[in-house]
Amino acid sequence: MDDNQDDGQGKADRSGRGPHEPDTLGLVHLLRAVTVEFGLRQAEFAARNAMHNTDVRALICLLDAARAGEPATAGLLGARLGLNSAGTTAVIDRLERLGHVARVRDDRDRRRVLLRVAPEAIRLGQEFFGPVIDGLLGVLDSFEPAERDTVRRFLTATHTVLSPEQDR
């Protein structure tokens, strides 16, 4: 019996989670395939730019923090990446050596050091990921607003399920 099918009597599959419609579980598999593709693109970007995959994840975290108006500190970065302070420092040092990140004093609290992504790193990211983003925007433009709202609701809920807070 396949894991995504019940036995015809409504009994649970091997995961113990109960029967799932093949189409519903198919969406989970499709989401997994998309995340694998994103991971492969990130790895290719990292390799082309002499970075580690964690360095790319760090840049994404820092850009997301900037977009959200959050102060990007080493502590925030370490928490988002799940790294200890030594690992976080190693990532920041690598990115700084490559010219992708700068440590700057916080204007409001001179004791605090913030991390900023350098314009050159942003340019590299836009050159590499820009066509992918444009393609995704084109797909989204083909959806009705209500469909985009449904996609947003699904992705937000999925993000919540996958977030570290969910494991506690």
N, C-alpha and C. Protein backbone atom coordinates (compact mmCIF):
# COMPACT_ATOMS: atom_id res chain seq x y z
N MET A 1 0.84 -1.18 0.00
CA MET A 1 0.00 0.00 0.00
C MET A 1 0.88 1.24 0.00
N ASP A 2 0.56 2.21 -0.82
CA ASP A 2 1.29 3.47 -0.90
C ASP A 2 0.97 4.30 0.34
N ASP A 3 1.98 5.08 0.84
CA ASP A 3 1.78 5.90 2.03
C ASP A 3 0.69 6.94 1.88
N ASN A 4 0.40 7.38 0.67
CA ASN A 4 -0.58 8.45 0.51
C ASN A 4 -1.97 7.92 0.18
N GLN A 5 -2.21 6.65 0.39
CA GLN A 5 -3.52 6.08 0.15
C GLN A 5 -3.97 5.29 1.35
N ASP A 6 -5.28 5.28 1.56
CA ASP A 6 -5.76 4.43 2.65
C ASP A 6 -6.04 3.05 2.09
N ASP A 7 -6.46 2.15 2.96
CA ASP A 7 -6.68 0.76 2.54
C ASP A 7 -8.08 0.52 2.02
N GLY A 8 -8.82 1.57 1.74
CA GLY A 8 -10.18 1.43 1.27
C GLY A 8 -11.18 1.34 2.41
N GLN A 9 -10.70 1.19 3.62
CA GLN A 9 -11.58 1.08 4.78
C GLN A 9 -11.41 2.29 5.69
N GLY A 10 -10.69 3.33 5.21
CA GLY A 10 -10.51 4.55 5.99
C GLY A 10 -9.50 4.42 7.11
N LYS A 11 -8.68 3.36 7.08
CA LYS A 11 -7.67 3.18 8.12
C LYS A 11 -6.47 4.08 7.85
N ALA A 12 -5.72 4.31 8.90
CA ALA A 12 -4.57 5.19 8.80
C ALA A 12 -3.49 4.60 7.91
N ASP A 13 -2.75 5.49 7.27
CA ASP A 13 -1.58 5.06 6.52
C ASP A 13 -0.43 4.80 7.50
N ARG A 14 0.75 4.43 6.97
CA ARG A 14 1.88 4.08 7.83
C ARG A 14 2.35 5.24 8.70
N SER A 15 2.02 6.47 8.32
CA SER A 15 2.43 7.61 9.14
C SER A 15 1.57 7.72 10.38
N GLY A 16 0.43 7.01 10.41
CA GLY A 16 -0.46 7.07 11.56
C GLY A 16 -1.33 8.30 11.57
N ARG A 17 -1.36 9.03 10.48
CA ARG A 17 -2.09 10.31 10.44
C ARG A 17 -3.46 10.20 9.80
N GLY A 18 -3.87 9.04 9.41
CA GLY A 18 -5.18 8.90 8.79
C GLY A 18 -5.10 9.03 7.29
N PRO A 19 -6.19 8.72 6.64
CA PRO A 19 -6.20 8.74 5.17
C PRO A 19 -6.14 10.17 4.64
N HIS A 20 -5.41 10.34 3.55
CA HIS A 20 -5.31 11.63 2.88
C HIS A 20 -5.69 11.42 1.43
N GLU A 21 -6.37 12.40 0.91
CA GLU A 21 -6.66 12.37 -0.51
C GLU A 21 -5.33 12.44 -1.25
N PRO A 22 -5.15 11.61 -2.28
CA PRO A 22 -3.89 11.66 -3.03
C PRO A 22 -3.56 13.06 -3.54
N ASP A 23 -4.57 13.84 -3.94
CA ASP A 23 -4.33 15.19 -4.44
C ASP A 23 -3.77 16.09 -3.34
N THR A 24 -4.27 15.93 -2.12
CA THR A 24 -3.80 16.77 -1.01
C THR A 24 -2.35 16.45 -0.68
N LEU A 25 -2.03 15.17 -0.55
CA LEU A 25 -0.66 14.79 -0.28
C LEU A 25 0.23 15.15 -1.47
N GLY A 26 -0.34 15.11 -2.66
CA GLY A 26 0.40 15.53 -3.85
C GLY A 26 0.85 16.98 -3.76
N LEU A 27 0.03 17.83 -3.14
CA LEU A 27 0.42 19.23 -2.95
C LEU A 27 1.62 19.33 -2.01
N VAL A 28 1.64 18.50 -0.98
CA VAL A 28 2.77 18.48 -0.05
C VAL A 28 4.03 18.05 -0.81
N HIS A 29 3.91 17.04 -1.64
CA HIS A 29 5.06 16.59 -2.43
C HIS A 29 5.51 17.66 -3.42
N LEU A 30 4.56 18.38 -3.99
CA LEU A 30 4.90 19.47 -4.91
C LEU A 30 5.62 20.60 -4.17
N LEU A 31 5.16 20.93 -2.98
CA LEU A 31 5.83 21.94 -2.17
C LEU A 31 7.25 21.50 -1.86
N ARG A 32 7.42 20.23 -1.53
CA ARG A 32 8.77 19.71 -1.26
C ARG A 32 9.64 19.85 -2.51
N ALA A 33 9.09 19.54 -3.67
CA ALA A 33 9.86 19.65 -4.92
C ALA A 33 10.28 21.10 -5.18
N VAL A 34 9.39 22.03 -4.88
CA VAL A 34 9.72 23.45 -5.06
C VAL A 34 10.84 23.85 -4.11
N THR A 35 10.77 23.40 -2.86
CA THR A 35 11.82 23.76 -1.90
C THR A 35 13.16 23.15 -2.30
N VAL A 36 13.12 21.95 -2.86
CA VAL A 36 14.37 21.34 -3.34
C VAL A 36 14.95 22.18 -4.48
N GLU A 37 14.11 22.63 -5.40
CA GLU A 37 14.59 23.46 -6.51
C GLU A 37 15.18 24.77 -6.00
N PHE A 38 14.49 25.40 -5.05
CA PHE A 38 15.04 26.63 -4.46
C PHE A 38 16.40 26.34 -3.83
N GLY A 39 16.51 25.24 -3.12
CA GLY A 39 17.77 24.87 -2.48
C GLY A 39 18.88 24.67 -3.50
N LEU A 40 18.54 24.04 -4.62
CA LEU A 40 19.54 23.83 -5.68
C LEU A 40 19.99 25.16 -6.28
N ARG A 41 19.04 26.08 -6.46
CA ARG A 41 19.40 27.41 -6.99
C ARG A 41 20.31 28.14 -6.01
N GLN A 42 19.99 28.04 -4.71
CA GLN A 42 20.83 28.69 -3.70
C GLN A 42 22.24 28.09 -3.71
N ALA A 43 22.32 26.78 -3.84
CA ALA A 43 23.63 26.11 -3.86
C ALA A 43 24.43 26.54 -5.09
N GLU A 44 23.76 26.67 -6.22
CA GLU A 44 24.44 27.12 -7.44
C GLU A 44 24.95 28.55 -7.28
N PHE A 45 24.12 29.42 -6.69
CA PHE A 45 24.54 30.80 -6.43
C PHE A 45 25.75 30.82 -5.49
N ALA A 46 25.68 30.01 -4.45
CA ALA A 46 26.79 29.95 -3.48
C ALA A 46 28.08 29.52 -4.18
N ALA A 47 28.00 28.45 -4.97
CA ALA A 47 29.19 27.94 -5.66
C ALA A 47 29.77 28.97 -6.62
N ARG A 48 28.91 29.65 -7.36
CA ARG A 48 29.39 30.65 -8.32
C ARG A 48 30.08 31.83 -7.65
N ASN A 49 29.71 32.08 -6.39
CA ASN A 49 30.22 33.26 -5.70
C ASN A 49 31.12 32.93 -4.51
N ALA A 50 31.70 31.72 -4.55
CA ALA A 50 32.67 31.28 -3.53
C ALA A 50 32.12 31.39 -2.11
N MET A 51 30.85 31.01 -1.96
CA MET A 51 30.21 31.06 -0.65
C MET A 51 29.75 29.67 -0.24
N HIS A 52 29.47 29.54 1.02
CA HIS A 52 28.87 28.34 1.59
C HIS A 52 27.35 28.53 1.52
N ASN A 53 26.60 27.43 1.49
CA ASN A 53 25.13 27.54 1.47
C ASN A 53 24.61 28.34 2.66
N THR A 54 25.25 28.18 3.82
CA THR A 54 24.83 28.93 5.00
C THR A 54 25.04 30.43 4.80
N ASP A 55 26.05 30.81 4.03
CA ASP A 55 26.29 32.22 3.75
C ASP A 55 25.11 32.81 2.96
N VAL A 56 24.61 32.05 2.01
CA VAL A 56 23.47 32.51 1.21
C VAL A 56 22.24 32.64 2.11
N ARG A 57 22.01 31.65 2.95
CA ARG A 57 20.89 31.72 3.88
C ARG A 57 21.02 32.94 4.79
N ALA A 58 22.25 33.24 5.21
CA ALA A 58 22.48 34.41 6.06
C ALA A 58 22.13 35.70 5.31
N LEU A 59 22.56 35.81 4.06
CA LEU A 59 22.22 37.00 3.28
C LEU A 59 20.71 37.15 3.14
N ILE A 60 20.02 36.05 2.90
CA ILE A 60 18.55 36.09 2.79
C ILE A 60 17.94 36.57 4.11
N CYS A 61 18.43 36.04 5.23
CA CYS A 61 17.92 36.47 6.54
C CYS A 61 18.14 37.96 6.76
N LEU A 62 19.31 38.45 6.39
CA LEU A 62 19.62 39.86 6.57
C LEU A 62 18.77 40.74 5.67
N LEU A 63 18.55 40.31 4.45
CA LEU A 63 17.69 41.08 3.53
C LEU A 63 16.24 41.07 4.02
N ASP A 64 15.78 39.92 4.53
CA ASP A 64 14.42 39.85 5.07
C ASP A 64 14.26 40.76 6.27
N ALA A 65 15.28 40.80 7.14
CA ALA A 65 15.22 41.68 8.31
C ALA A 65 15.16 43.14 7.87
N ALA A 66 15.97 43.51 6.89
CA ALA A 66 15.96 44.89 6.39
C ALA A 66 14.59 45.24 5.82
N ARG A 67 14.01 44.31 5.04
CA ARG A 67 12.70 44.53 4.44
C ARG A 67 11.63 44.72 5.51
N ALA A 68 11.77 44.00 6.64
CA ALA A 68 10.80 44.07 7.73
C ALA A 68 11.09 45.21 8.70
N GLY A 69 12.20 45.95 8.48
CA GLY A 69 12.55 47.04 9.37
C GLY A 69 13.10 46.57 10.71
N GLU A 70 13.61 45.34 10.75
CA GLU A 70 14.19 44.79 11.98
C GLU A 70 15.68 45.08 12.02
N PRO A 71 16.20 45.45 13.19
CA PRO A 71 17.65 45.62 13.30
C PRO A 71 18.34 44.26 13.16
N ALA A 72 19.24 44.16 12.23
CA ALA A 72 19.92 42.89 11.94
C ALA A 72 21.19 42.81 12.78
N THR A 73 21.11 42.09 13.87
CA THR A 73 22.27 41.88 14.74
C THR A 73 22.78 40.46 14.55
N ALA A 74 23.96 40.21 15.09
CA ALA A 74 24.51 38.85 15.05
C ALA A 74 23.58 37.89 15.80
N GLY A 75 22.99 38.34 16.90
CA GLY A 75 22.08 37.51 17.66
C GLY A 75 20.85 37.11 16.86
N LEU A 76 20.28 38.07 16.14
CA LEU A 76 19.12 37.77 15.29
C LEU A 76 19.51 36.77 14.22
N LEU A 77 20.65 37.00 13.58
CA LEU A 77 21.11 36.11 12.50
C LEU A 77 21.33 34.70 13.03
N GLY A 78 22.01 34.58 14.16
CA GLY A 78 22.26 33.26 14.74
C GLY A 78 20.97 32.54 15.07
N ALA A 79 20.01 33.26 15.63
CA ALA A 79 18.72 32.65 15.97
C ALA A 79 17.99 32.18 14.72
N ARG A 80 18.00 32.99 13.69
CA ARG A 80 17.28 32.63 12.45
C ARG A 80 17.94 31.45 11.73
N LEU A 81 19.26 31.36 11.85
CA LEU A 81 19.99 30.27 11.18
C LEU A 81 20.15 29.05 12.07
N GLY A 82 19.85 29.18 13.35
CA GLY A 82 20.02 28.06 14.28
C GLY A 82 21.48 27.78 14.58
N LEU A 83 22.29 28.84 14.63
CA LEU A 83 23.72 28.69 14.87
C LEU A 83 24.09 29.21 16.26
N ASN A 84 25.15 28.65 16.83
CA ASN A 84 25.68 29.19 18.08
C ASN A 84 26.49 30.44 17.75
N SER A 85 27.01 31.12 18.79
CA SER A 85 27.70 32.39 18.54
C SER A 85 28.97 32.20 17.71
N ALA A 86 29.70 31.10 17.93
CA ALA A 86 30.92 30.86 17.14
C ALA A 86 30.58 30.65 15.66
N GLY A 87 29.56 29.87 15.40
CA GLY A 87 29.14 29.63 14.02
C GLY A 87 28.64 30.89 13.35
N THR A 88 27.90 31.70 14.10
CA THR A 88 27.39 32.97 13.57
C THR A 88 28.54 33.90 13.23
N THR A 89 29.51 33.99 14.13
CA THR A 89 30.68 34.85 13.88
C THR A 89 31.44 34.38 12.64
N ALA A 90 31.59 33.07 12.47
CA ALA A 90 32.30 32.54 11.30
C ALA A 90 31.57 32.93 10.01
N VAL A 91 30.24 32.84 10.00
CA VAL A 91 29.47 33.23 8.81
C VAL A 91 29.66 34.72 8.52
N ILE A 92 29.51 35.54 9.55
CA ILE A 92 29.66 36.99 9.36
C ILE A 92 31.07 37.33 8.89
N ASP A 93 32.08 36.70 9.49
CA ASP A 93 33.46 36.95 9.06
C ASP A 93 33.66 36.59 7.59
N ARG A 94 33.12 35.43 7.17
CA ARG A 94 33.26 35.02 5.75
C ARG A 94 32.59 36.04 4.84
N LEU A 95 31.38 36.44 5.18
CA LEU A 95 30.64 37.38 4.34
C LEU A 95 31.32 38.75 4.31
N GLU A 96 31.90 39.13 5.43
CA GLU A 96 32.61 40.41 5.49
C GLU A 96 33.87 40.36 4.63
N ARG A 97 34.62 39.24 4.71
CA ARG A 97 35.83 39.09 3.89
C ARG A 97 35.50 39.14 2.40
N LEU A 98 34.34 38.60 2.03
CA LEU A 98 33.93 38.61 0.62
C LEU A 98 33.35 39.97 0.19
N GLY A 99 33.17 40.87 1.14
CA GLY A 99 32.62 42.19 0.83
C GLY A 99 31.10 42.20 0.71
N HIS A 100 30.44 41.15 1.21
CA HIS A 100 28.98 41.06 1.09
C HIS A 100 28.23 41.64 2.27
N VAL A 101 28.90 41.78 3.40
CA VAL A 101 28.27 42.29 4.62
C VAL A 101 29.22 43.26 5.30
N ALA A 102 28.65 44.27 5.91
CA ALA A 102 29.44 45.21 6.71
C ALA A 102 28.86 45.27 8.12
N ARG A 103 29.75 45.37 9.09
CA ARG A 103 29.34 45.60 10.48
C ARG A 103 29.33 47.11 10.68
N VAL A 104 28.20 47.63 11.14
CA VAL A 104 28.08 49.08 11.36
C VAL A 104 27.49 49.33 12.74
N ARG A 105 27.92 50.41 13.37
CA ARG A 105 27.38 50.79 14.67
C ARG A 105 25.94 51.29 14.50
N ASP A 106 25.11 50.91 15.44
CA ASP A 106 23.73 51.37 15.46
C ASP A 106 23.72 52.85 15.80
N ASP A 107 23.06 53.66 15.01
CA ASP A 107 22.99 55.10 15.27
C ASP A 107 22.28 55.41 16.58
N ARG A 108 21.33 54.57 16.97
CA ARG A 108 20.55 54.81 18.19
C ARG A 108 21.24 54.28 19.45
N ASP A 109 22.06 53.24 19.28
CA ASP A 109 22.76 52.65 20.42
C ASP A 109 24.15 52.25 19.94
N ARG A 110 25.11 53.11 20.18
CA ARG A 110 26.46 52.92 19.64
C ARG A 110 27.14 51.65 20.16
N ARG A 111 26.59 51.05 21.22
CA ARG A 111 27.16 49.79 21.73
C ARG A 111 26.77 48.61 20.85
N ARG A 112 25.71 48.76 20.09
CA ARG A 112 25.19 47.65 19.29
C ARG A 112 25.74 47.71 17.87
N VAL A 113 26.10 46.54 17.34
CA VAL A 113 26.61 46.43 15.98
C VAL A 113 25.53 45.79 15.11
N LEU A 114 25.25 46.43 14.01
CA LEU A 114 24.26 45.93 13.06
C LEU A 114 24.97 45.37 11.82
N LEU A 115 24.29 44.50 11.13
CA LEU A 115 24.83 43.89 9.91
C LEU A 115 24.06 44.44 8.72
N ARG A 116 24.80 44.88 7.71
CA ARG A 116 24.19 45.41 6.50
C ARG A 116 24.71 44.66 5.30
N VAL A 117 23.81 44.32 4.40
CA VAL A 117 24.21 43.67 3.16
C VAL A 117 24.73 44.74 2.21
N ALA A 118 25.89 44.48 1.64
CA ALA A 118 26.53 45.43 0.73
C ALA A 118 25.79 45.50 -0.60
N PRO A 119 25.79 46.68 -1.23
CA PRO A 119 25.13 46.82 -2.53
C PRO A 119 25.61 45.81 -3.57
N GLU A 120 26.90 45.47 -3.54
CA GLU A 120 27.43 44.50 -4.51
C GLU A 120 26.79 43.13 -4.33
N ALA A 121 26.56 42.73 -3.08
CA ALA A 121 25.91 41.43 -2.82
C ALA A 121 24.47 41.46 -3.32
N ILE A 122 23.81 42.59 -3.13
CA ILE A 122 22.43 42.73 -3.63
C ILE A 122 22.42 42.63 -5.15
N ARG A 123 23.39 43.28 -5.79
CA ARG A 123 23.48 43.22 -7.26
C ARG A 123 23.69 41.79 -7.75
N LEU A 124 24.61 41.07 -7.08
CA LEU A 124 24.85 39.67 -7.47
C LEU A 124 23.58 38.83 -7.34
N GLY A 125 22.87 39.04 -6.24
CA GLY A 125 21.63 38.31 -6.02
C GLY A 125 20.57 38.64 -7.05
N GLN A 126 20.46 39.91 -7.39
CA GLN A 126 19.48 40.31 -8.39
C GLN A 126 19.81 39.75 -9.77
N GLU A 127 21.09 39.74 -10.12
CA GLU A 127 21.49 39.17 -11.41
C GLU A 127 21.14 37.69 -11.50
N PHE A 128 21.40 36.96 -10.41
CA PHE A 128 21.19 35.52 -10.43
C PHE A 128 19.72 35.15 -10.23
N PHE A 129 19.09 35.72 -9.20
CA PHE A 129 17.73 35.33 -8.85
C PHE A 129 16.65 36.16 -9.54
N GLY A 130 17.04 37.28 -10.16
CA GLY A 130 16.08 38.16 -10.82
C GLY A 130 15.20 37.45 -11.83
N PRO A 131 15.78 36.65 -12.75
CA PRO A 131 14.93 35.96 -13.71
C PRO A 131 13.93 34.99 -13.06
N VAL A 132 14.35 34.34 -11.99
CA VAL A 132 13.43 33.44 -11.27
C VAL A 132 12.30 34.25 -10.64
N ILE A 133 12.66 35.35 -9.99
CA ILE A 133 11.65 36.19 -9.35
C ILE A 133 10.69 36.74 -10.40
N ASP A 134 11.22 37.19 -11.54
CA ASP A 134 10.37 37.69 -12.62
C ASP A 134 9.41 36.61 -13.10
N GLY A 135 9.92 35.39 -13.23
CA GLY A 135 9.06 34.28 -13.65
C GLY A 135 7.95 34.01 -12.64
N LEU A 136 8.29 34.05 -11.36
CA LEU A 136 7.28 33.83 -10.32
C LEU A 136 6.25 34.95 -10.31
N LEU A 137 6.71 36.18 -10.49
CA LEU A 137 5.78 37.30 -10.54
C LEU A 137 4.84 37.17 -11.73
N GLY A 138 5.37 36.68 -12.85
CA GLY A 138 4.53 36.45 -14.02
C GLY A 138 3.45 35.41 -13.74
N VAL A 139 3.82 34.34 -13.05
CA VAL A 139 2.84 33.32 -12.68
C VAL A 139 1.78 33.93 -11.77
N LEU A 140 2.22 34.67 -10.75
CA LEU A 140 1.27 35.27 -9.82
C LEU A 140 0.35 36.27 -10.51
N ASP A 141 0.88 36.99 -11.51
CA ASP A 141 0.04 37.94 -12.25
C ASP A 141 -1.09 37.23 -13.00
N SER A 142 -0.91 35.96 -13.29
CA SER A 142 -1.96 35.21 -14.01
C SER A 142 -3.07 34.74 -13.06
N PHE A 143 -2.88 34.91 -11.76
CA PHE A 143 -3.88 34.51 -10.78
C PHE A 143 -4.80 35.68 -10.45
N GLU A 144 -6.03 35.34 -10.16
CA GLU A 144 -6.98 36.33 -9.66
C GLU A 144 -6.58 36.70 -8.23
N PRO A 145 -6.96 37.90 -7.77
CA PRO A 145 -6.62 38.29 -6.39
C PRO A 145 -7.05 37.26 -5.34
N ALA A 146 -8.21 36.67 -5.51
CA ALA A 146 -8.68 35.67 -4.54
C ALA A 146 -7.78 34.43 -4.56
N GLU A 147 -7.28 34.07 -5.74
CA GLU A 147 -6.37 32.93 -5.83
C GLU A 147 -5.05 33.25 -5.14
N ARG A 148 -4.55 34.47 -5.35
CA ARG A 148 -3.31 34.87 -4.67
C ARG A 148 -3.50 34.88 -3.16
N ASP A 149 -4.67 35.30 -2.70
CA ASP A 149 -4.95 35.27 -1.27
C ASP A 149 -4.93 33.84 -0.73
N THR A 150 -5.43 32.90 -1.51
CA THR A 150 -5.41 31.49 -1.10
C THR A 150 -3.98 30.96 -1.05
N VAL A 151 -3.19 31.30 -2.04
CA VAL A 151 -1.77 30.90 -2.05
C VAL A 151 -1.06 31.50 -0.85
N ARG A 152 -1.29 32.78 -0.59
CA ARG A 152 -0.67 33.46 0.56
C ARG A 152 -1.07 32.78 1.87
N ARG A 153 -2.35 32.45 2.00
CA ARG A 153 -2.83 31.80 3.22
C ARG A 153 -2.17 30.44 3.40
N PHE A 154 -2.05 29.67 2.33
CA PHE A 154 -1.41 28.35 2.40
C PHE A 154 0.07 28.48 2.76
N LEU A 155 0.78 29.39 2.09
CA LEU A 155 2.21 29.54 2.36
C LEU A 155 2.46 30.07 3.77
N THR A 156 1.63 30.98 4.23
CA THR A 156 1.77 31.50 5.60
C THR A 156 1.54 30.39 6.62
N ALA A 157 0.51 29.60 6.41
CA ALA A 157 0.23 28.49 7.33
C ALA A 157 1.34 27.45 7.28
N THR A 158 1.86 27.18 6.09
CA THR A 158 2.96 26.23 5.94
C THR A 158 4.20 26.74 6.67
N HIS A 159 4.48 28.01 6.52
CA HIS A 159 5.63 28.61 7.21
C HIS A 159 5.47 28.48 8.72
N THR A 160 4.27 28.68 9.21
CA THR A 160 4.00 28.53 10.64
C THR A 160 4.25 27.10 11.10
N VAL A 161 3.78 26.14 10.33
CA VAL A 161 3.99 24.72 10.68
C VAL A 161 5.47 24.37 10.72
N LEU A 162 6.24 24.93 9.81
CA LEU A 162 7.66 24.62 9.72
C LEU A 162 8.55 25.45 10.64
N SER A 163 8.01 26.49 11.24
CA SER A 163 8.85 27.37 12.07
C SER A 163 9.32 26.67 13.33
N PRO A 164 10.50 27.05 13.81
CA PRO A 164 11.05 26.41 15.02
C PRO A 164 10.12 26.51 16.24
N GLU A 165 9.35 27.58 16.34
CA GLU A 165 8.44 27.74 17.48
C GLU A 165 7.41 26.61 17.51
N GLN A 166 7.08 26.07 16.34
CA GLN A 166 6.10 24.99 16.25
C GLN A 166 6.59 23.72 16.93
N ASP A 167 7.93 23.55 17.00
CA ASP A 167 8.51 22.34 17.58
C ASP A 167 8.47 22.33 19.09
N ARG A 168 8.22 23.46 19.69
CA ARG A 168 8.26 23.55 21.16
C ARG A 168 7.02 23.04 21.80
